[in-house]
């Protein structure tokens, strides 16, 4: 993991960004020798896992149950 100071990061931001993008490398940005920020590759969110709020939804009916003849709209009967 490469470490750079704030001045170097400002001066060479484009090349640091290219390095993160190309080599998938993380860079630590320091001020007065103390770590302040991490420049890391972007990780897209995992969309295969359902959102936790979906588990709180409850239905008071069976959504797969077919409609009775009188429940259909008149135009569709």
PDB file of N, CA and C in Angstrom:
ATOM      1  N   UNK A   1       0.844  -1.161   0.000  1.00  0.00           N
ATOM      2  CA  UNK A   1       0.000   0.000   0.000  1.00  0.00           C
ATOM      3  C   UNK A   1       0.897   1.234   0.000  1.00  0.00           C
ATOM      4  N   UNK A   2       0.715   2.082  -0.997  1.00  0.00           N
ATOM      5  CA  UNK A   2       1.527   3.290  -1.136  1.00  0.00           C
ATOM      6  C   UNK A   2       0.991   4.383  -0.216  1.00  0.00           C
ATOM      7  N   UNK A   3       1.907   5.181   0.347  1.00  0.00           N
ATOM      8  CA  UNK A   3       1.544   6.305   1.207  1.00  0.00           C
ATOM      9  C   UNK A   3       2.085   7.584   0.576  1.00  0.00           C
ATOM     10  N   UNK A   4       1.223   8.609   0.481  1.00  0.00           N
ATOM     11  CA  UNK A   4       1.636   9.902  -0.061  1.00  0.00           C
ATOM     12  C   UNK A   4       1.140  11.013   0.850  1.00  0.00           C
ATOM     13  N   UNK A   5       1.843  12.162   0.830  1.00  0.00           N
ATOM     14  CA  UNK A   5       1.364  13.288   1.621  1.00  0.00           C
ATOM     15  C   UNK A   5       0.348  14.089   0.807  1.00  0.00           C
ATOM     16  N   UNK A   6      -0.336  15.006   1.446  1.00  0.00           N
ATOM     17  CA  UNK A   6      -1.414  15.759   0.808  1.00  0.00           C
ATOM     18  C   UNK A   6      -0.908  16.540  -0.397  1.00  0.00           C
ATOM     19  N   UNK A   7       0.251  17.183  -0.274  1.00  0.00           N
ATOM     20  CA  UNK A   7       0.784  17.976  -1.394  1.00  0.00           C
ATOM     21  C   UNK A   7       1.050  17.082  -2.607  1.00  0.00           C
ATOM     22  N   UNK A   8       1.667  15.942  -2.376  1.00  0.00           N
ATOM     23  CA  UNK A   8       1.944  15.008  -3.476  1.00  0.00           C
ATOM     24  C   UNK A   8       0.647  14.483  -4.083  1.00  0.00           C
ATOM     25  N   UNK A   9      -0.350  14.220  -3.236  1.00  0.00           N
ATOM     26  CA  UNK A   9      -1.640  13.734  -3.730  1.00  0.00           C
ATOM     27  C   UNK A   9      -2.316  14.786  -4.608  1.00  0.00           C
ATOM     28  N   UNK A  10      -2.264  16.061  -4.191  1.00  0.00           N
ATOM     29  CA  UNK A  10      -2.855  17.139  -4.992  1.00  0.00           C
ATOM     30  C   UNK A  10      -2.124  17.298  -6.318  1.00  0.00           C
ATOM     31  N   UNK A  11      -0.808  17.223  -6.269  1.00  0.00           N
ATOM     32  CA  UNK A  11       0.004  17.429  -7.467  1.00  0.00           C
ATOM     33  C   UNK A  11      -0.143  16.288  -8.463  1.00  0.00           C
ATOM     34  N   UNK A  12      -0.228  15.070  -7.972  1.00  0.00           N
ATOM     35  CA  UNK A  12      -0.235  13.889  -8.842  1.00  0.00           C
ATOM     36  C   UNK A  12      -1.556  13.123  -8.776  1.00  0.00           C
ATOM     37  N   UNK A  13      -2.665  13.821  -8.530  1.00  0.00           N
ATOM     38  CA  UNK A  13      -3.939  13.133  -8.334  1.00  0.00           C
ATOM     39  C   UNK A  13      -4.310  12.253  -9.528  1.00  0.00           C
ATOM     40  N   UNK A  14      -4.157  12.760 -10.745  1.00  0.00           N
ATOM     41  CA  UNK A  14      -4.533  11.980 -11.935  1.00  0.00           C
ATOM     42  C   UNK A  14      -3.717  10.695 -12.044  1.00  0.00           C
ATOM     43  N   UNK A  15      -2.421  10.789 -11.791  1.00  0.00           N
ATOM     44  CA  UNK A  15      -1.590   9.584 -11.892  1.00  0.00           C
ATOM     45  C   UNK A  15      -1.895   8.609 -10.753  1.00  0.00           C
ATOM     46  N   UNK A  16      -2.206   9.122  -9.559  1.00  0.00           N
ATOM     47  CA  UNK A  16      -2.591   8.241  -8.457  1.00  0.00           C
ATOM     48  C   UNK A  16      -3.911   7.536  -8.765  1.00  0.00           C
ATOM     49  N   UNK A  17      -4.846   8.286  -9.324  1.00  0.00           N
ATOM     50  CA  UNK A  17      -6.133   7.713  -9.693  1.00  0.00           C
ATOM     51  C   UNK A  17      -5.964   6.632 -10.764  1.00  0.00           C
ATOM     52  N   UNK A  18      -5.096   6.879 -11.741  1.00  0.00           N
ATOM     53  CA  UNK A  18      -4.819   5.885 -12.782  1.00  0.00           C
ATOM     54  C   UNK A  18      -4.191   4.630 -12.171  1.00  0.00           C
ATOM     55  N   UNK A  19      -3.336   4.832 -11.184  1.00  0.00           N
ATOM     56  CA  UNK A  19      -2.686   3.702 -10.525  1.00  0.00           C
ATOM     57  C   UNK A  19      -3.723   2.841  -9.775  1.00  0.00           C
ATOM     58  N   UNK A  20      -4.646   3.503  -9.102  1.00  0.00           N
ATOM     59  CA  UNK A  20      -5.715   2.784  -8.398  1.00  0.00           C
ATOM     60  C   UNK A  20      -6.575   2.021  -9.396  1.00  0.00           C
ATOM     61  N   UNK A  21      -6.879   2.682 -10.512  1.00  0.00           N
ATOM     62  CA  UNK A  21      -7.746   2.083 -11.536  1.00  0.00           C
ATOM     63  C   UNK A  21      -7.070   0.916 -12.246  1.00  0.00           C
ATOM     64  N   UNK A  22      -5.828   1.090 -12.642  1.00  0.00           N
ATOM     65  CA  UNK A  22      -5.129   0.077 -13.431  1.00  0.00           C
ATOM     66  C   UNK A  22      -4.623  -1.103 -12.594  1.00  0.00           C
ATOM     67  N   UNK A  23      -4.014  -0.795 -11.453  1.00  0.00           N
ATOM     68  CA  UNK A  23      -3.378  -1.835 -10.647  1.00  0.00           C
ATOM     69  C   UNK A  23      -4.224  -2.294  -9.478  1.00  0.00           C
ATOM     70  N   UNK A  24      -5.432  -1.702  -9.329  1.00  0.00           N
ATOM     71  CA  UNK A  24      -6.330  -2.075  -8.239  1.00  0.00           C
ATOM     72  C   UNK A  24      -5.623  -1.924  -6.885  1.00  0.00           C
ATOM     73  N   UNK A  25      -4.845  -0.840  -6.760  1.00  0.00           N
ATOM     74  CA  UNK A  25      -4.007  -0.601  -5.593  1.00  0.00           C
ATOM     75  C   UNK A  25      -4.639   0.457  -4.691  1.00  0.00           C
ATOM     76  N   UNK A  26      -4.504   0.315  -3.392  1.00  0.00           N
ATOM     77  CA  UNK A  26      -4.988   1.312  -2.441  1.00  0.00           C
ATOM     78  C   UNK A  26      -3.852   2.269  -2.099  1.00  0.00           C
ATOM     79  N   UNK A  27      -4.187   3.545  -1.909  1.00  0.00           N
ATOM     80  CA  UNK A  27      -3.200   4.568  -1.576  1.00  0.00           C
ATOM     81  C   UNK A  27      -3.687   5.307  -0.342  1.00  0.00           C
ATOM     82  N   UNK A  28      -2.789   5.482   0.639  1.00  0.00           N
ATOM     83  CA  UNK A  28      -3.104   6.198   1.863  1.00  0.00           C
ATOM     84  C   UNK A  28      -2.585   7.625   1.730  1.00  0.00           C
ATOM     85  N   UNK A  29      -3.455   8.601   2.002  1.00  0.00           N
ATOM     86  CA  UNK A  29      -3.071  10.011   1.943  1.00  0.00           C
ATOM     87  C   UNK A  29      -2.862  10.493   3.371  1.00  0.00           C
ATOM     88  N   UNK A  30      -1.689  11.082   3.644  1.00  0.00           N
ATOM     89  CA  UNK A  30      -1.325  11.506   4.989  1.00  0.00           C
ATOM     90  C   UNK A  30      -1.145  13.017   5.075  1.00  0.00           C
ATOM     91  N   UNK A  31      -1.418  13.549   6.276  1.00  0.00           N
ATOM     92  CA  UNK A  31      -1.128  14.960   6.584  1.00  0.00           C
ATOM     93  C   UNK A  31      -0.243  14.939   7.820  1.00  0.00           C
ATOM     94  N   UNK A  32       0.937  15.548   7.692  1.00  0.00           N
ATOM     95  CA  UNK A  32       1.921  15.571   8.791  1.00  0.00           C
ATOM     96  C   UNK A  32       2.247  14.162   9.279  1.00  0.00           C
ATOM     97  N   UNK A  33       2.298  13.214   8.350  1.00  0.00           N
ATOM     98  CA  UNK A  33       2.667  11.844   8.683  1.00  0.00           C
ATOM     99  C   UNK A  33       1.543  10.991   9.244  1.00  0.00           C
ATOM    100  N   UNK A  34       0.366  11.577   9.447  1.00  0.00           N
ATOM    101  CA  UNK A  34      -0.777  10.846   9.977  1.00  0.00           C
ATOM    102  C   UNK A  34      -1.758  10.507   8.863  1.00  0.00           C
ATOM    103  N   UNK A  35      -2.204   9.254   8.748  1.00  0.00           N
ATOM    104  CA  UNK A  35      -3.175   8.893   7.714  1.00  0.00           C
ATOM    105  C   UNK A  35      -4.474   9.691   7.863  1.00  0.00           C
ATOM    106  N   UNK A  36      -4.971  10.213   6.731  1.00  0.00           N
ATOM    107  CA  UNK A  36      -6.188  11.016   6.723  1.00  0.00           C
ATOM    108  C   UNK A  36      -7.268  10.355   5.867  1.00  0.00           C
ATOM    109  N   UNK A  37      -6.859   9.798   4.734  1.00  0.00           N
ATOM    110  CA  UNK A  37      -7.841   9.235   3.806  1.00  0.00           C
ATOM    111  C   UNK A  37      -7.225   8.070   3.034  1.00  0.00           C
ATOM    112  N   UNK A  38      -8.112   7.220   2.529  1.00  0.00           N
ATOM    113  CA  UNK A  38      -7.697   6.105   1.676  1.00  0.00           C
ATOM    114  C   UNK A  38      -8.271   6.325   0.282  1.00  0.00           C
ATOM    115  N   UNK A  39      -7.445   6.165  -0.723  1.00  0.00           N
ATOM    116  CA  UNK A  39      -7.890   6.202  -2.115  1.00  0.00           C
ATOM    117  C   UNK A  39      -7.911   4.742  -2.564  1.00  0.00           C
ATOM    118  N   UNK A  40      -9.118   4.182  -2.707  1.00  0.00           N
ATOM    119  CA  UNK A  40      -9.269   2.758  -2.988  1.00  0.00           C
ATOM    120  C   UNK A  40     -10.133   2.554  -4.226  1.00  0.00           C
ATOM    121  N   UNK A  41     -10.017   1.397  -4.884  1.00  0.00           N
ATOM    122  CA  UNK A  41     -10.866   1.101  -6.039  1.00  0.00           C
ATOM    123  C   UNK A  41     -12.331   1.034  -5.629  1.00  0.00           C
ATOM    124  N   UNK A  42     -13.192   1.461  -6.521  1.00  0.00           N
ATOM    125  CA  UNK A  42     -14.633   1.418  -6.281  1.00  0.00           C
ATOM    126  C   UNK A  42     -15.125  -0.019  -6.378  1.00  0.00           C
ATOM    127  N   UNK A  43     -15.995  -0.402  -5.420  1.00  0.00           N
ATOM    128  CA  UNK A  43     -16.610  -1.728  -5.449  1.00  0.00           C
ATOM    129  C   UNK A  43     -18.110  -1.531  -5.626  1.00  0.00           C
ATOM    130  N   UNK A  44     -18.675  -1.986  -6.746  1.00  0.00           N
ATOM    131  CA  UNK A  44     -20.116  -1.823  -6.939  1.00  0.00           C
ATOM    132  C   UNK A  44     -20.903  -2.603  -5.896  1.00  0.00           C
ATOM    133  N   UNK A  45     -22.078  -2.116  -5.536  1.00  0.00           N
ATOM    134  CA  UNK A  45     -22.870  -2.815  -4.525  1.00  0.00           C
ATOM    135  C   UNK A  45     -23.324  -4.191  -5.005  1.00  0.00           C
ATOM    136  N   UNK A  46     -23.478  -5.107  -4.052  1.00  0.00           N
ATOM    137  CA  UNK A  46     -23.941  -6.459  -4.354  1.00  0.00           C
ATOM    138  C   UNK A  46     -25.458  -6.413  -4.510  1.00  0.00           C
ATOM    139  N   UNK A  47     -25.956  -6.523  -5.720  1.00  0.00           N
ATOM    140  CA  UNK A  47     -27.380  -6.419  -5.976  1.00  0.00           C
ATOM    141  C   UNK A  47     -28.099  -7.773  -5.908  1.00  0.00           C
ATOM    142  N   UNK A  48     -27.359  -8.849  -5.671  1.00  0.00           N
ATOM    143  CA  UNK A  48     -27.998 -10.163  -5.615  1.00  0.00           C
ATOM    144  C   UNK A  48     -28.628 -10.428  -4.242  1.00  0.00           C
ATOM    145  N   UNK A  49     -28.274  -9.630  -3.252  1.00  0.00           N
ATOM    146  CA  UNK A  49     -28.817  -9.799  -1.904  1.00  0.00           C
ATOM    147  C   UNK A  49     -29.982  -8.821  -1.727  1.00  0.00           C
ATOM    148  N   UNK A  50     -31.165  -9.291  -1.294  1.00  0.00           N
ATOM    149  CA  UNK A  50     -32.317  -8.393  -1.148  1.00  0.00           C
ATOM    150  C   UNK A  50     -32.102  -7.374  -0.031  1.00  0.00           C
ATOM    151  N   UNK A  51     -32.725  -6.218  -0.192  1.00  0.00           N
ATOM    152  CA  UNK A  51     -32.625  -5.158   0.808  1.00  0.00           C
ATOM    153  C   UNK A  51     -33.309  -5.618   2.101  1.00  0.00           C
ATOM    154  N   UNK A  52     -32.740  -5.304   3.273  1.00  0.00           N
ATOM    155  CA  UNK A  52     -33.326  -5.752   4.541  1.00  0.00           C
ATOM    156  C   UNK A  52     -34.761  -5.259   4.768  1.00  0.00           C
ATOM    157  N   UNK A  53     -35.123  -4.120   4.188  1.00  0.00           N
ATOM    158  CA  UNK A  53     -36.475  -3.593   4.370  1.00  0.00           C
ATOM    159  C   UNK A  53     -37.527  -4.508   3.734  1.00  0.00           C
ATOM    160  N   UNK A  54     -37.143  -5.281   2.737  1.00  0.00           N
ATOM    161  CA  UNK A  54     -38.102  -6.170   2.080  1.00  0.00           C
ATOM    162  C   UNK A  54     -38.616  -7.264   3.015  1.00  0.00           C
ATOM    163  N   UNK A  55     -37.830  -7.642   3.997  1.00  0.00           N
ATOM    164  CA  UNK A  55     -38.272  -8.689   4.924  1.00  0.00           C
ATOM    165  C   UNK A  55     -39.365  -8.197   5.865  1.00  0.00           C
ATOM    166  N   UNK A  56     -39.563  -6.879   5.966  1.00  0.00           N
ATOM    167  CA  UNK A  56     -40.582  -6.323   6.854  1.00  0.00           C
ATOM    168  C   UNK A  56     -41.949  -6.192   6.185  1.00  0.00           C
ATOM    169  N   UNK A  57     -42.016  -6.433   4.882  1.00  0.00           N
ATOM    170  CA  UNK A  57     -43.280  -6.324   4.157  1.00  0.00           C
ATOM    171  C   UNK A  57     -44.106  -7.580   4.388  1.00  0.00           C
ATOM    172  N   UNK A  58     -45.354  -7.389   4.775  1.00  0.00           N
ATOM    173  CA  UNK A  58     -46.253  -8.528   4.959  1.00  0.00           C
ATOM    174  C   UNK A  58     -47.501  -8.322   4.114  1.00  0.00           C
ATOM    175  N   UNK A  59     -48.048  -9.400   3.595  1.00  0.00           N
ATOM    176  CA  UNK A  59     -49.264  -9.356   2.795  1.00  0.00           C
ATOM    177  C   UNK A  59     -50.366 -10.099   3.532  1.00  0.00           C
ATOM    178  N   UNK A  60     -51.563  -9.545   3.498  1.00  0.00           N
ATOM    179  CA  UNK A  60     -52.676 -10.185   4.194  1.00  0.00           C
ATOM    180  C   UNK A  60     -53.508 -11.040   3.235  1.00  0.00           C
ATOM    181  N   UNK A  61     -52.951 -11.329   2.071  1.00  0.00           N
ATOM    182  CA  UNK A  61     -53.645 -12.153   1.079  1.00  0.00           C
ATOM    183  C   UNK A  61     -52.616 -12.965   0.317  1.00  0.00           C
ATOM    184  N   UNK A  62     -53.094 -13.925  -0.455  1.00  0.00           N
ATOM    185  CA  UNK A  62     -52.213 -14.748  -1.275  1.00  0.00           C
ATOM    186  C   UNK A  62     -52.123 -14.111  -2.658  1.00  0.00           C
ATOM    187  N   UNK A  63     -50.989 -13.522  -3.039  1.00  0.00           N
ATOM    188  CA  UNK A  63     -50.887 -12.851  -4.332  1.00  0.00           C
ATOM    189  C   UNK A  63     -50.949 -13.812  -5.524  1.00  0.00           C
ATOM    190  N   UNK A  64     -50.824 -15.100  -5.298  1.00  0.00           N
ATOM    191  CA  UNK A  64     -50.888 -16.068  -6.401  1.00  0.00           C
ATOM    192  C   UNK A  64     -52.293 -16.642  -6.592  1.00  0.00           C
ATOM    193  N   UNK A  65     -53.203 -16.287  -5.693  1.00  0.00           N
ATOM    194  CA  UNK A  65     -54.572 -16.794  -5.793  1.00  0.00           C
ATOM    195  C   UNK A  65     -55.270 -16.142  -6.986  1.00  0.00           C
ATOM    196  N   UNK A  66     -55.989 -16.934  -7.761  1.00  0.00           N
ATOM    197  CA  UNK A  66     -56.684 -16.396  -8.926  1.00  0.00           C
ATOM    198  C   UNK A  66     -57.934 -15.632  -8.490  1.00  0.00           C
ATOM    199  N   UNK A  67     -58.345 -14.659  -9.318  1.00  0.00           N
ATOM    200  CA  UNK A  67     -59.538 -13.868  -9.026  1.00  0.00           C
ATOM    201  C   UNK A  67     -60.795 -14.658  -9.370  1.00  0.00           C
ATOM    202  N   UNK A  68     -61.828 -14.436  -8.596  1.00  0.00           N
ATOM    203  CA  UNK A  68     -63.131 -15.018  -8.919  1.00  0.00           C
ATOM    204  C   UNK A  68     -63.702 -14.251 -10.105  1.00  0.00           C
ATOM    205  N   UNK A  69     -64.674 -14.824 -10.801  1.00  0.00           N
ATOM    206  CA  UNK A  69     -65.239 -14.205 -12.007  1.00  0.00           C
ATOM    207  C   UNK A  69     -65.783 -12.802 -11.735  1.00  0.00           C
ATOM    208  N   UNK A  70     -66.405 -12.600 -10.575  1.00  0.00           N
ATOM    209  CA  UNK A  70     -66.977 -11.278 -10.282  1.00  0.00           C
ATOM    210  C   UNK A  70     -65.923 -10.252  -9.845  1.00  0.00           C
ATOM    211  N   UNK A  71     -64.685 -10.677  -9.602  1.00  0.00           N
ATOM    212  CA  UNK A  71     -63.620  -9.759  -9.201  1.00  0.00           C
ATOM    213  C   UNK A  71     -62.895  -9.139 -10.404  1.00  0.00           C
ATOM    214  N   UNK A  72     -63.056  -9.731 -11.583  1.00  0.00           N
ATOM    215  CA  UNK A  72     -62.416  -9.190 -12.772  1.00  0.00           C
ATOM    216  C   UNK A  72     -63.110  -7.879 -13.187  1.00  0.00           C
ATOM    217  N   UNK A  73     -62.370  -6.921 -13.763  1.00  0.00           N
ATOM    218  CA  UNK A  73     -63.026  -5.705 -14.273  1.00  0.00           C
ATOM    219  C   UNK A  73     -64.040  -6.077 -15.360  1.00  0.00           C
ATOM    220  N   UNK A  74     -65.124  -5.308 -15.457  1.00  0.00           N
ATOM    221  CA  UNK A  74     -66.177  -5.632 -16.402  1.00  0.00           C
ATOM    222  C   UNK A  74     -65.683  -5.689 -17.837  1.00  0.00           C
ATOM    223  N   UNK A  75     -64.713  -4.859 -18.175  1.00  0.00           N
ATOM    224  CA  UNK A  75     -64.180  -4.858 -19.545  1.00  0.00           C
ATOM    225  C   UNK A  75     -63.412  -6.142 -19.865  1.00  0.00           C
ATOM    226  N   UNK A  76     -62.928  -6.839 -18.860  1.00  0.00           N
ATOM    227  CA  UNK A  76     -62.123  -8.049 -19.066  1.00  0.00           C
ATOM    228  C   UNK A  76     -62.932  -9.342 -18.906  1.00  0.00           C
ATOM    229  N   UNK A  77     -64.196  -9.294 -18.529  1.00  0.00           N
ATOM    230  CA  UNK A  77     -64.992 -10.511 -18.314  1.00  0.00           C
ATOM    231  C   UNK A  77     -65.383 -11.175 -19.600  1.00  0.00           C
TER     232      UNK A  77
END
